[in-house]
Amino acid sequence: MDTARFRSVLLAERLVAIVRGRDAEASLNTVLALADEGVALIEISLHTADALDVIERAAARLGPDIVVGAGAVLTADDMSRARDAGAGWVVTPAVTEAVAASALAGVPVVAGALTPTEAVHAIRLGAGAVQLFPALLGGPHYLAAVREPLPDVPFVPAGGVDVGAAEEYFTAGAVAVGVGPPLVGDAAHGGDLGALRHRARRYVAACRSGDTA
């Protein structure tokens, strides 16, 4: 998947699920449950137990409509190992060397940034989108303010985005939202997959229609 195609999927789906688990098998089951409920972009953090194995198994199990990514990518080596495991895109928590390395390798990258300076730098290095992180520091009003001078930057707020906040971020101009614990809960640690599925259905509906009821 190239960056243009990744952006089109991001714009269409508007939801990135972020999985970070202490249990590899539970993390894999979490990814599969999210995919089954219609979540098409699933980021598996490299801080997950046996993360590369989870990425490889998830990518092998899921069809072409589900694109597994790798999160917490800091270095060029992180990116290469994630790509080789089957990640179709990567996310960095900051503007690190992995941004330019990913762009050079043709791997779509969402770069973590908080300030306008960081966001512009990330885009110039080749990021396909900017993960506004941690978004809860400023909320939707901050995103709206940042977008005034940077209307063409695709922002994906992440960090504390609950179902109710998702609509506010979209109104403020977000192209998608990244959601970890408010969506995944304890499922990736071996928790309730049934509750996860319920939350996933709510998020998918909210992000595709704007209806958070």
N, C-alpha and C. Protein backbone atom coordinates (compact mmCIF):
# COMPACT_ATOMS: atom_id res chain seq x y z
N MET A 1 0.85 -1.19 0.00
CA MET A 1 0.00 0.00 0.00
C MET A 1 0.88 1.24 0.00
N ASP A 2 0.66 2.13 -0.98
CA ASP A 2 1.44 3.36 -1.00
C ASP A 2 0.75 4.43 -0.14
N THR A 3 1.41 5.56 0.00
CA THR A 3 0.90 6.61 0.89
C THR A 3 -0.44 7.16 0.42
N ALA A 4 -0.60 7.34 -0.89
CA ALA A 4 -1.86 7.87 -1.41
C ALA A 4 -3.01 6.92 -1.10
N ARG A 5 -2.79 5.63 -1.30
CA ARG A 5 -3.83 4.64 -1.01
C ARG A 5 -4.12 4.60 0.49
N PHE A 6 -3.06 4.67 1.30
CA PHE A 6 -3.26 4.67 2.75
C PHE A 6 -4.11 5.86 3.19
N ARG A 7 -3.81 7.03 2.63
CA ARG A 7 -4.60 8.22 2.98
C ARG A 7 -6.07 8.04 2.61
N SER A 8 -6.33 7.42 1.48
CA SER A 8 -7.72 7.23 1.05
C SER A 8 -8.45 6.29 2.00
N VAL A 9 -7.76 5.25 2.46
CA VAL A 9 -8.37 4.33 3.43
C VAL A 9 -8.60 5.05 4.75
N LEU A 10 -7.63 5.85 5.18
CA LEU A 10 -7.76 6.60 6.42
C LEU A 10 -8.96 7.54 6.36
N LEU A 11 -9.12 8.23 5.25
CA LEU A 11 -10.25 9.16 5.08
C LEU A 11 -11.58 8.42 5.05
N ALA A 12 -11.59 7.22 4.49
CA ALA A 12 -12.83 6.47 4.38
C ALA A 12 -13.23 5.83 5.71
N GLU A 13 -12.25 5.30 6.44
CA GLU A 13 -12.55 4.55 7.67
C GLU A 13 -12.65 5.45 8.90
N ARG A 14 -11.77 6.44 9.01
CA ARG A 14 -11.76 7.44 10.07
C ARG A 14 -11.50 6.88 11.47
N LEU A 15 -11.07 5.62 11.54
CA LEU A 15 -10.80 5.01 12.85
C LEU A 15 -9.55 4.14 12.77
N VAL A 16 -8.60 4.40 13.68
CA VAL A 16 -7.42 3.55 13.84
C VAL A 16 -7.49 2.95 15.24
N ALA A 17 -7.58 1.64 15.35
CA ALA A 17 -7.56 0.98 16.65
C ALA A 17 -6.12 0.70 17.03
N ILE A 18 -5.77 1.03 18.27
CA ILE A 18 -4.39 0.87 18.75
C ILE A 18 -4.36 -0.24 19.80
N VAL A 19 -3.66 -1.32 19.46
CA VAL A 19 -3.58 -2.49 20.34
C VAL A 19 -2.21 -2.54 21.00
N ARG A 20 -2.21 -2.58 22.32
CA ARG A 20 -0.97 -2.69 23.09
C ARG A 20 -1.26 -3.65 24.24
N GLY A 21 -0.74 -4.88 24.15
CA GLY A 21 -1.13 -5.87 25.13
C GLY A 21 0.03 -6.59 25.80
N ARG A 22 -0.23 -7.07 27.01
CA ARG A 22 0.78 -7.82 27.75
C ARG A 22 0.78 -9.30 27.38
N ASP A 23 -0.26 -9.74 26.68
CA ASP A 23 -0.42 -11.15 26.32
C ASP A 23 -0.51 -11.26 24.80
N ALA A 24 0.42 -11.99 24.20
CA ALA A 24 0.47 -12.05 22.74
C ALA A 24 -0.78 -12.70 22.15
N GLU A 25 -1.23 -13.80 22.73
CA GLU A 25 -2.40 -14.49 22.18
C GLU A 25 -3.65 -13.63 22.33
N ALA A 26 -3.78 -12.98 23.48
CA ALA A 26 -4.92 -12.10 23.69
C ALA A 26 -4.86 -10.91 22.74
N SER A 27 -3.67 -10.41 22.47
CA SER A 27 -3.52 -9.30 21.53
C SER A 27 -3.94 -9.71 20.13
N LEU A 28 -3.53 -10.91 19.71
CA LEU A 28 -3.94 -11.41 18.40
C LEU A 28 -5.46 -11.56 18.34
N ASN A 29 -6.05 -12.13 19.37
CA ASN A 29 -7.51 -12.30 19.40
C ASN A 29 -8.22 -10.95 19.39
N THR A 30 -7.61 -9.96 20.02
CA THR A 30 -8.17 -8.61 20.01
C THR A 30 -8.18 -8.04 18.59
N VAL A 31 -7.06 -8.21 17.89
CA VAL A 31 -6.97 -7.73 16.51
C VAL A 31 -8.03 -8.42 15.64
N LEU A 32 -8.16 -9.72 15.79
CA LEU A 32 -9.12 -10.47 14.97
C LEU A 32 -10.56 -10.05 15.27
N ALA A 33 -10.85 -9.79 16.56
CA ALA A 33 -12.19 -9.35 16.93
C ALA A 33 -12.49 -7.96 16.37
N LEU A 34 -11.52 -7.07 16.44
CA LEU A 34 -11.70 -5.72 15.89
C LEU A 34 -11.96 -5.80 14.39
N ALA A 35 -11.19 -6.61 13.70
CA ALA A 35 -11.39 -6.77 12.26
C ALA A 35 -12.76 -7.34 11.95
N ASP A 36 -13.18 -8.29 12.76
CA ASP A 36 -14.49 -8.91 12.56
C ASP A 36 -15.62 -7.91 12.74
N GLU A 37 -15.39 -6.88 13.55
CA GLU A 37 -16.42 -5.86 13.80
C GLU A 37 -16.30 -4.68 12.83
N GLY A 38 -15.43 -4.79 11.84
CA GLY A 38 -15.38 -3.77 10.79
C GLY A 38 -14.31 -2.72 10.93
N VAL A 39 -13.37 -2.92 11.86
CA VAL A 39 -12.26 -1.97 11.99
C VAL A 39 -11.19 -2.37 10.97
N ALA A 40 -10.91 -1.49 10.03
CA ALA A 40 -10.03 -1.83 8.91
C ALA A 40 -8.59 -1.41 9.09
N LEU A 41 -8.32 -0.51 10.03
CA LEU A 41 -6.96 -0.05 10.30
C LEU A 41 -6.62 -0.35 11.76
N ILE A 42 -5.72 -1.30 11.96
CA ILE A 42 -5.38 -1.74 13.31
C ILE A 42 -3.88 -1.62 13.52
N GLU A 43 -3.52 -0.80 14.48
CA GLU A 43 -2.11 -0.55 14.82
C GLU A 43 -1.72 -1.42 16.00
N ILE A 44 -0.69 -2.24 15.82
CA ILE A 44 -0.17 -3.08 16.89
C ILE A 44 1.12 -2.45 17.40
N SER A 45 1.10 -1.99 18.63
CA SER A 45 2.27 -1.34 19.21
C SER A 45 3.42 -2.32 19.34
N LEU A 46 4.63 -1.85 19.07
CA LEU A 46 5.81 -2.68 19.27
C LEU A 46 6.06 -2.96 20.75
N HIS A 47 5.33 -2.29 21.64
CA HIS A 47 5.42 -2.58 23.06
C HIS A 47 4.54 -3.75 23.46
N THR A 48 3.80 -4.30 22.52
CA THR A 48 2.99 -5.49 22.77
C THR A 48 3.90 -6.70 22.95
N ALA A 49 3.51 -7.62 23.79
CA ALA A 49 4.29 -8.85 23.97
C ALA A 49 4.41 -9.58 22.63
N ASP A 50 5.65 -9.95 22.26
CA ASP A 50 5.91 -10.65 20.99
C ASP A 50 5.25 -9.92 19.82
N ALA A 51 5.46 -8.61 19.79
CA ALA A 51 4.73 -7.76 18.83
C ALA A 51 4.93 -8.18 17.38
N LEU A 52 6.15 -8.48 16.98
CA LEU A 52 6.39 -8.83 15.58
C LEU A 52 5.69 -10.13 15.20
N ASP A 53 5.65 -11.06 16.12
CA ASP A 53 4.94 -12.32 15.88
C ASP A 53 3.44 -12.06 15.76
N VAL A 54 2.92 -11.19 16.62
CA VAL A 54 1.50 -10.85 16.55
C VAL A 54 1.18 -10.18 15.21
N ILE A 55 2.04 -9.26 14.78
CA ILE A 55 1.84 -8.60 13.49
C ILE A 55 1.85 -9.62 12.37
N GLU A 56 2.83 -10.52 12.39
CA GLU A 56 2.94 -11.52 11.33
C GLU A 56 1.72 -12.43 11.27
N ARG A 57 1.28 -12.90 12.42
CA ARG A 57 0.13 -13.80 12.46
C ARG A 57 -1.16 -13.07 12.08
N ALA A 58 -1.30 -11.84 12.54
CA ALA A 58 -2.50 -11.07 12.19
C ALA A 58 -2.55 -10.80 10.69
N ALA A 59 -1.42 -10.38 10.12
CA ALA A 59 -1.38 -10.09 8.69
C ALA A 59 -1.69 -11.33 7.86
N ALA A 60 -1.24 -12.49 8.35
CA ALA A 60 -1.49 -13.74 7.62
C ALA A 60 -2.96 -14.17 7.73
N ARG A 61 -3.60 -13.86 8.84
CA ARG A 61 -4.98 -14.30 9.07
C ARG A 61 -6.01 -13.40 8.41
N LEU A 62 -5.69 -12.13 8.26
CA LEU A 62 -6.67 -11.16 7.79
C LEU A 62 -6.58 -10.97 6.28
N GLY A 63 -7.68 -10.63 5.68
CA GLY A 63 -7.73 -10.42 4.24
C GLY A 63 -7.19 -9.06 3.84
N PRO A 64 -7.21 -8.78 2.55
CA PRO A 64 -6.64 -7.52 2.05
C PRO A 64 -7.41 -6.28 2.48
N ASP A 65 -8.62 -6.44 2.97
CA ASP A 65 -9.40 -5.28 3.38
C ASP A 65 -9.00 -4.76 4.77
N ILE A 66 -8.23 -5.54 5.51
CA ILE A 66 -7.77 -5.14 6.83
C ILE A 66 -6.27 -4.88 6.75
N VAL A 67 -5.85 -3.68 7.13
CA VAL A 67 -4.45 -3.32 7.00
C VAL A 67 -3.83 -3.17 8.39
N VAL A 68 -2.95 -4.11 8.72
CA VAL A 68 -2.29 -4.09 10.02
C VAL A 68 -1.08 -3.16 9.97
N GLY A 69 -0.96 -2.31 10.99
CA GLY A 69 0.17 -1.41 11.08
C GLY A 69 0.95 -1.68 12.36
N ALA A 70 2.10 -1.04 12.47
CA ALA A 70 2.93 -1.15 13.67
C ALA A 70 3.06 0.21 14.32
N GLY A 71 2.88 0.25 15.63
CA GLY A 71 2.99 1.50 16.37
C GLY A 71 4.23 1.53 17.25
N ALA A 72 4.52 2.69 17.84
CA ALA A 72 5.69 2.89 18.69
C ALA A 72 6.97 2.62 17.92
N VAL A 73 6.99 2.98 16.65
CA VAL A 73 8.16 2.78 15.79
C VAL A 73 9.09 3.98 15.95
N LEU A 74 10.29 3.74 16.45
CA LEU A 74 11.21 4.82 16.74
C LEU A 74 12.36 4.93 15.75
N THR A 75 12.86 3.79 15.29
CA THR A 75 14.07 3.77 14.49
C THR A 75 13.81 3.18 13.11
N ALA A 76 14.80 3.36 12.23
CA ALA A 76 14.73 2.74 10.91
C ALA A 76 14.69 1.22 11.03
N ASP A 77 15.41 0.68 12.01
CA ASP A 77 15.41 -0.77 12.22
C ASP A 77 14.04 -1.25 12.69
N ASP A 78 13.40 -0.49 13.58
CA ASP A 78 12.03 -0.82 13.99
C ASP A 78 11.12 -0.93 12.77
N MET A 79 11.23 0.06 11.89
CA MET A 79 10.39 0.08 10.70
C MET A 79 10.65 -1.13 9.81
N SER A 80 11.92 -1.44 9.59
CA SER A 80 12.27 -2.57 8.71
C SER A 80 11.75 -3.89 9.27
N ARG A 81 11.92 -4.09 10.58
CA ARG A 81 11.45 -5.33 11.19
C ARG A 81 9.93 -5.43 11.15
N ALA A 82 9.25 -4.32 11.38
CA ALA A 82 7.79 -4.32 11.33
C ALA A 82 7.29 -4.59 9.91
N ARG A 83 7.92 -3.95 8.94
CA ARG A 83 7.55 -4.17 7.54
C ARG A 83 7.76 -5.63 7.15
N ASP A 84 8.90 -6.19 7.54
CA ASP A 84 9.19 -7.58 7.20
C ASP A 84 8.23 -8.56 7.87
N ALA A 85 7.68 -8.15 9.01
CA ALA A 85 6.71 -9.00 9.70
C ALA A 85 5.32 -8.93 9.06
N GLY A 86 5.11 -7.92 8.22
CA GLY A 86 3.83 -7.81 7.53
C GLY A 86 3.06 -6.54 7.77
N ALA A 87 3.65 -5.59 8.51
CA ALA A 87 2.97 -4.31 8.74
C ALA A 87 2.90 -3.53 7.43
N GLY A 88 1.71 -3.02 7.11
CA GLY A 88 1.54 -2.27 5.88
C GLY A 88 1.75 -0.78 6.05
N TRP A 89 1.89 -0.31 7.28
CA TRP A 89 2.11 1.09 7.60
C TRP A 89 2.64 1.16 9.02
N VAL A 90 3.21 2.30 9.39
CA VAL A 90 3.77 2.43 10.73
C VAL A 90 3.37 3.76 11.34
N VAL A 91 3.47 3.81 12.67
CA VAL A 91 3.17 5.03 13.43
C VAL A 91 4.34 5.31 14.35
N THR A 92 4.81 6.54 14.36
CA THR A 92 5.87 6.94 15.29
C THR A 92 5.26 7.80 16.39
N PRO A 93 5.78 7.71 17.62
CA PRO A 93 5.24 8.55 18.69
C PRO A 93 5.74 9.98 18.65
N ALA A 94 6.75 10.23 17.81
CA ALA A 94 7.34 11.56 17.68
C ALA A 94 7.98 11.64 16.30
N VAL A 95 8.55 12.79 15.98
CA VAL A 95 9.21 12.95 14.69
C VAL A 95 10.63 12.37 14.83
N THR A 96 10.76 11.09 14.57
CA THR A 96 12.02 10.39 14.74
C THR A 96 12.62 10.03 13.38
N GLU A 97 13.77 9.39 13.41
CA GLU A 97 14.43 8.96 12.18
C GLU A 97 13.56 8.00 11.37
N ALA A 98 12.63 7.34 12.04
CA ALA A 98 11.78 6.37 11.36
C ALA A 98 10.85 7.03 10.34
N VAL A 99 10.56 8.31 10.49
CA VAL A 99 9.66 8.98 9.56
C VAL A 99 10.28 9.03 8.17
N ALA A 100 11.48 9.58 8.07
CA ALA A 100 12.15 9.67 6.77
C ALA A 100 12.50 8.29 6.23
N ALA A 101 12.91 7.38 7.12
CA ALA A 101 13.27 6.03 6.68
C ALA A 101 12.07 5.31 6.09
N SER A 102 10.91 5.48 6.71
CA SER A 102 9.70 4.84 6.21
C SER A 102 9.30 5.40 4.85
N ALA A 103 9.35 6.73 4.74
CA ALA A 103 9.01 7.37 3.47
C ALA A 103 9.95 6.91 2.37
N LEU A 104 11.23 6.81 2.68
CA LEU A 104 12.21 6.38 1.70
C LEU A 104 11.97 4.93 1.27
N ALA A 105 11.51 4.10 2.20
CA ALA A 105 11.24 2.69 1.91
C ALA A 105 9.88 2.47 1.27
N GLY A 106 9.09 3.53 1.15
CA GLY A 106 7.76 3.39 0.56
C GLY A 106 6.73 2.83 1.50
N VAL A 107 6.98 2.94 2.81
CA VAL A 107 6.04 2.47 3.83
C VAL A 107 5.27 3.68 4.36
N PRO A 108 3.95 3.71 4.23
CA PRO A 108 3.19 4.84 4.76
C PRO A 108 3.44 5.03 6.25
N VAL A 109 3.63 6.27 6.66
CA VAL A 109 3.95 6.54 8.05
C VAL A 109 3.07 7.66 8.59
N VAL A 110 2.53 7.44 9.77
CA VAL A 110 1.81 8.46 10.53
C VAL A 110 2.75 8.91 11.63
N ALA A 111 3.16 10.16 11.59
CA ALA A 111 4.16 10.66 12.52
C ALA A 111 3.52 11.35 13.71
N GLY A 112 3.96 10.99 14.90
CA GLY A 112 3.45 11.65 16.10
C GLY A 112 4.00 13.05 16.23
N ALA A 113 3.13 14.00 16.53
CA ALA A 113 3.54 15.39 16.70
C ALA A 113 2.50 16.10 17.55
N LEU A 114 2.92 17.15 18.23
CA LEU A 114 1.98 17.92 19.04
C LEU A 114 1.90 19.37 18.60
N THR A 115 3.01 19.94 18.14
CA THR A 115 3.04 21.35 17.79
C THR A 115 2.99 21.56 16.28
N PRO A 116 2.64 22.76 15.83
CA PRO A 116 2.67 23.04 14.40
C PRO A 116 4.06 22.83 13.79
N THR A 117 5.10 23.21 14.51
CA THR A 117 6.46 23.02 14.00
C THR A 117 6.75 21.55 13.75
N GLU A 118 6.39 20.70 14.71
CA GLU A 118 6.60 19.26 14.55
C GLU A 118 5.77 18.71 13.40
N ALA A 119 4.55 19.17 13.27
CA ALA A 119 3.67 18.68 12.21
C ALA A 119 4.22 19.00 10.83
N VAL A 120 4.67 20.24 10.65
CA VAL A 120 5.24 20.65 9.36
C VAL A 120 6.51 19.85 9.06
N HIS A 121 7.34 19.66 10.07
CA HIS A 121 8.57 18.89 9.89
C HIS A 121 8.25 17.46 9.46
N ALA A 122 7.25 16.86 10.11
CA ALA A 122 6.87 15.48 9.78
C ALA A 122 6.41 15.35 8.34
N ILE A 123 5.58 16.28 7.90
CA ILE A 123 5.09 16.23 6.52
C ILE A 123 6.23 16.42 5.54
N ARG A 124 7.16 17.30 5.84
CA ARG A 124 8.30 17.54 4.95
C ARG A 124 9.21 16.31 4.86
N LEU A 125 9.22 15.50 5.92
CA LEU A 125 10.02 14.28 5.90
C LEU A 125 9.33 13.13 5.15
N GLY A 126 8.05 13.34 4.81
CA GLY A 126 7.35 12.33 4.03
C GLY A 126 6.20 11.64 4.73
N ALA A 127 5.81 12.11 5.93
CA ALA A 127 4.68 11.49 6.62
C ALA A 127 3.40 11.63 5.81
N GLY A 128 2.60 10.57 5.80
CA GLY A 128 1.33 10.62 5.09
C GLY A 128 0.24 11.27 5.91
N ALA A 129 0.42 11.29 7.24
CA ALA A 129 -0.52 11.94 8.14
C ALA A 129 0.22 12.22 9.44
N VAL A 130 -0.38 13.05 10.28
CA VAL A 130 0.22 13.42 11.56
C VAL A 130 -0.69 12.97 12.68
N GLN A 131 -0.15 12.16 13.57
CA GLN A 131 -0.91 11.76 14.75
C GLN A 131 -0.72 12.84 15.82
N LEU A 132 -1.78 13.59 16.09
CA LEU A 132 -1.72 14.63 17.11
C LEU A 132 -1.75 13.94 18.46
N PHE A 133 -0.58 13.92 19.12
CA PHE A 133 -0.45 13.11 20.34
C PHE A 133 0.41 13.83 21.38
N PRO A 134 -0.03 13.79 22.65
CA PRO A 134 -1.32 13.30 23.14
C PRO A 134 -2.42 14.36 22.94
N ALA A 135 -3.44 14.00 22.23
CA ALA A 135 -4.48 14.97 21.86
C ALA A 135 -5.21 15.54 23.07
N LEU A 136 -5.26 14.76 24.15
CA LEU A 136 -6.03 15.22 25.32
C LEU A 136 -5.40 16.45 25.97
N LEU A 137 -4.16 16.77 25.64
CA LEU A 137 -3.55 17.98 26.21
C LEU A 137 -4.24 19.24 25.74
N GLY A 138 -4.77 19.21 24.51
CA GLY A 138 -5.43 20.41 23.99
C GLY A 138 -6.86 20.20 23.57
N GLY A 139 -7.18 18.97 23.23
CA GLY A 139 -8.55 18.65 22.84
C GLY A 139 -8.92 19.18 21.47
N PRO A 140 -10.19 19.07 21.11
CA PRO A 140 -10.66 19.51 19.79
C PRO A 140 -10.40 20.98 19.49
N HIS A 141 -10.46 21.84 20.51
CA HIS A 141 -10.23 23.26 20.28
C HIS A 141 -8.79 23.51 19.84
N TYR A 142 -7.87 22.76 20.42
CA TYR A 142 -6.47 22.90 20.03
C TYR A 142 -6.27 22.44 18.58
N LEU A 143 -6.88 21.32 18.23
CA LEU A 143 -6.78 20.84 16.85
C LEU A 143 -7.31 21.89 15.88
N ALA A 144 -8.45 22.47 16.19
CA ALA A 144 -9.02 23.50 15.31
C ALA A 144 -8.07 24.68 15.16
N ALA A 145 -7.42 25.06 16.26
CA ALA A 145 -6.48 26.19 16.20
C ALA A 145 -5.26 25.85 15.36
N VAL A 146 -4.74 24.63 15.50
CA VAL A 146 -3.56 24.21 14.73
C VAL A 146 -3.89 24.13 13.24
N ARG A 147 -5.10 23.70 12.93
CA ARG A 147 -5.48 23.53 11.54
C ARG A 147 -5.67 24.87 10.80
N GLU A 148 -5.89 25.94 11.53
CA GLU A 148 -6.08 27.23 10.86
C GLU A 148 -4.91 27.58 9.95
N PRO A 149 -3.65 27.49 10.42
CA PRO A 149 -2.53 27.77 9.52
C PRO A 149 -2.09 26.55 8.71
N LEU A 150 -2.61 25.35 9.08
CA LEU A 150 -2.18 24.11 8.42
C LEU A 150 -3.38 23.31 7.94
N PRO A 151 -4.21 23.89 7.09
CA PRO A 151 -5.46 23.21 6.70
C PRO A 151 -5.26 21.96 5.86
N ASP A 152 -4.09 21.80 5.24
CA ASP A 152 -3.87 20.65 4.36
C ASP A 152 -3.18 19.48 5.04
N VAL A 153 -2.84 19.63 6.31
CA VAL A 153 -2.19 18.53 7.03
C VAL A 153 -3.26 17.56 7.53
N PRO A 154 -3.15 16.27 7.19
CA PRO A 154 -4.13 15.30 7.69
C PRO A 154 -3.80 14.93 9.14
N PHE A 155 -4.64 15.38 10.07
CA PHE A 155 -4.40 15.13 11.48
C PHE A 155 -5.24 13.95 11.98
N VAL A 156 -4.59 13.11 12.80
CA VAL A 156 -5.25 11.96 13.42
C VAL A 156 -5.03 12.09 14.93
N PRO A 157 -5.95 12.70 15.67
CA PRO A 157 -5.78 12.82 17.11
C PRO A 157 -5.78 11.45 17.78
N ALA A 158 -4.91 11.28 18.76
CA ALA A 158 -4.85 10.04 19.53
C ALA A 158 -4.47 10.38 20.96
N GLY A 159 -4.98 9.58 21.88
CA GLY A 159 -4.69 9.80 23.29
C GLY A 159 -5.92 10.29 24.02
N GLY A 160 -6.67 9.35 24.60
CA GLY A 160 -7.86 9.72 25.36
C GLY A 160 -9.08 10.06 24.54
N VAL A 161 -9.18 9.53 23.33
CA VAL A 161 -10.33 9.84 22.46
C VAL A 161 -11.45 8.84 22.74
N ASP A 162 -12.46 9.27 23.49
CA ASP A 162 -13.59 8.38 23.70
C ASP A 162 -14.61 8.59 22.59
N VAL A 163 -15.66 7.78 22.61
CA VAL A 163 -16.65 7.85 21.54
C VAL A 163 -17.26 9.23 21.42
N GLY A 164 -17.54 9.86 22.55
CA GLY A 164 -18.14 11.19 22.52
C GLY A 164 -17.22 12.24 21.93
N ALA A 165 -15.91 12.11 22.21
CA ALA A 165 -14.95 13.11 21.71
C ALA A 165 -14.69 12.95 20.22
N ALA A 166 -14.89 11.75 19.68
CA ALA A 166 -14.57 11.51 18.27
C ALA A 166 -15.31 12.51 17.37
N GLU A 167 -16.59 12.70 17.59
CA GLU A 167 -17.37 13.62 16.77
C GLU A 167 -16.82 15.04 16.87
N GLU A 168 -16.40 15.44 18.07
CA GLU A 168 -15.85 16.79 18.24
C GLU A 168 -14.55 16.96 17.46
N TYR A 169 -13.73 15.92 17.44
CA TYR A 169 -12.49 15.98 16.67
C TYR A 169 -12.77 16.05 15.17
N PHE A 170 -13.77 15.31 14.71
CA PHE A 170 -14.11 15.38 13.29
C PHE A 170 -14.61 16.78 12.93
N THR A 171 -15.42 17.36 13.80
CA THR A 171 -15.90 18.72 13.57
C THR A 171 -14.74 19.71 13.52
N ALA A 172 -13.70 19.44 14.31
CA ALA A 172 -12.52 20.31 14.36
C ALA A 172 -11.59 20.09 13.17
N GLY A 173 -11.87 19.06 12.36
CA GLY A 173 -11.08 18.86 11.15
C GLY A 173 -10.22 17.62 11.09
N ALA A 174 -10.34 16.73 12.06
CA ALA A 174 -9.56 15.49 12.02
C ALA A 174 -9.99 14.63 10.84
N VAL A 175 -9.03 13.95 10.21
CA VAL A 175 -9.38 13.02 9.13
C VAL A 175 -9.72 11.64 9.69
N ALA A 176 -9.22 11.36 10.90
CA ALA A 176 -9.48 10.09 11.58
C ALA A 176 -9.10 10.27 13.04
N VAL A 177 -9.42 9.28 13.86
CA VAL A 177 -8.98 9.30 15.25
C VAL A 177 -8.28 7.98 15.55
N GLY A 178 -7.26 8.06 16.41
CA GLY A 178 -6.57 6.87 16.88
C GLY A 178 -7.03 6.57 18.30
N VAL A 179 -7.46 5.33 18.54
CA VAL A 179 -8.05 5.01 19.84
C VAL A 179 -7.44 3.73 20.40
N GLY A 180 -6.92 3.85 21.63
CA GLY A 180 -6.35 2.70 22.30
C GLY A 180 -7.24 2.21 23.43
N PRO A 181 -6.90 2.49 24.70
CA PRO A 181 -7.66 1.96 25.84
C PRO A 181 -9.16 2.24 25.83
N PRO A 182 -9.63 3.43 25.42
CA PRO A 182 -11.09 3.61 25.43
C PRO A 182 -11.84 2.61 24.54
N LEU A 183 -11.17 2.11 23.53
CA LEU A 183 -11.77 1.10 22.65
C LEU A 183 -11.35 -0.31 23.05
N VAL A 184 -10.06 -0.54 23.22
CA VAL A 184 -9.54 -1.89 23.44
C VAL A 184 -9.78 -2.38 24.86
N GLY A 185 -9.78 -1.46 25.82
CA GLY A 185 -9.98 -1.87 27.20
C GLY A 185 -8.90 -2.83 27.66
N ASP A 186 -9.31 -3.92 28.33
CA ASP A 186 -8.34 -4.90 28.82
C ASP A 186 -8.27 -6.13 27.94
N ALA A 187 -8.87 -6.06 26.76
CA ALA A 187 -8.96 -7.25 25.90
C ALA A 187 -7.58 -7.78 25.52
N ALA A 188 -6.64 -6.88 25.22
CA ALA A 188 -5.31 -7.31 24.79
C ALA A 188 -4.47 -7.85 25.94
N HIS A 189 -4.99 -7.75 27.17
CA HIS A 189 -4.31 -8.35 28.32
C HIS A 189 -5.00 -9.64 28.74
N GLY A 190 -6.00 -10.07 27.98
CA GLY A 190 -6.75 -11.27 28.31
C GLY A 190 -8.15 -10.99 28.82
N GLY A 191 -8.62 -9.75 28.64
CA GLY A 191 -9.93 -9.35 29.15
C GLY A 191 -11.09 -9.73 28.24
N ASP A 192 -12.20 -9.04 28.43
CA ASP A 192 -13.49 -9.39 27.85
C ASP A 192 -13.57 -9.03 26.36
N LEU A 193 -13.59 -10.03 25.49
CA LEU A 193 -13.71 -9.78 24.06
C LEU A 193 -15.13 -9.36 23.67
N GLY A 194 -16.12 -9.83 24.43
CA GLY A 194 -17.50 -9.44 24.14
C GLY A 194 -17.69 -7.95 24.34
N ALA A 195 -17.12 -7.40 25.43
CA ALA A 195 -17.21 -5.96 25.69
C ALA A 195 -16.44 -5.19 24.62
N LEU A 196 -15.31 -5.74 24.20
CA LEU A 196 -14.53 -5.11 23.13
C LEU A 196 -15.37 -5.01 21.86
N ARG A 197 -16.04 -6.08 21.50
CA ARG A 197 -16.85 -6.07 20.28
C ARG A 197 -17.95 -5.01 20.36
N HIS A 198 -18.55 -4.87 21.52
CA HIS A 198 -19.60 -3.86 21.70
C HIS A 198 -19.03 -2.46 21.49
N ARG A 199 -17.88 -2.19 22.11
CA ARG A 199 -17.26 -0.88 21.95
C ARG A 199 -16.85 -0.64 20.49
N ALA A 200 -16.35 -1.69 19.85
CA ALA A 200 -15.92 -1.55 18.46
C ALA A 200 -17.09 -1.17 17.56
N ARG A 201 -18.23 -1.78 17.78
CA ARG A 201 -19.41 -1.44 16.96
C ARG A 201 -19.80 0.02 17.15
N ARG A 202 -19.71 0.51 18.38
CA ARG A 202 -20.05 1.91 18.65
C ARG A 202 -19.07 2.86 17.96
N TYR A 203 -17.80 2.53 18.05
CA TYR A 203 -16.79 3.40 17.41
C TYR A 203 -16.92 3.39 15.90
N VAL A 204 -17.10 2.22 15.33
CA VAL A 204 -17.23 2.14 13.87
C VAL A 204 -18.42 2.96 13.41
N ALA A 205 -19.56 2.83 14.10
CA ALA A 205 -20.74 3.60 13.74
C ALA A 205 -20.50 5.09 13.88
N ALA A 206 -19.85 5.47 14.98
CA ALA A 206 -19.60 6.90 15.24
C ALA A 206 -18.66 7.50 14.19
N CYS A 207 -17.61 6.76 13.86
CA CYS A 207 -16.62 7.30 12.94
C CYS A 207 -17.11 7.31 11.49
N ARG A 208 -17.98 6.42 11.14
CA ARG A 208 -18.45 6.39 9.76
C ARG A 208 -19.64 7.30 9.54
N SER A 209 -20.42 7.55 10.58
CA SER A 209 -21.62 8.34 10.40
C SER A 209 -21.62 9.64 11.18
N GLY A 210 -20.72 9.75 12.17
CA GLY A 210 -20.74 10.94 13.02
C GLY A 210 -21.75 10.84 14.13
N ASP A 211 -22.46 9.72 14.23
CA ASP A 211 -23.50 9.52 15.26
C ASP A 211 -22.88 8.85 16.45
N THR A 212 -22.77 9.53 17.56
CA THR A 212 -22.20 8.96 18.76
C THR A 212 -23.25 8.51 19.76
N ALA A 213 -24.51 8.51 19.38
CA ALA A 213 -25.56 8.13 20.32
C ALA A 213 -25.52 6.64 20.60
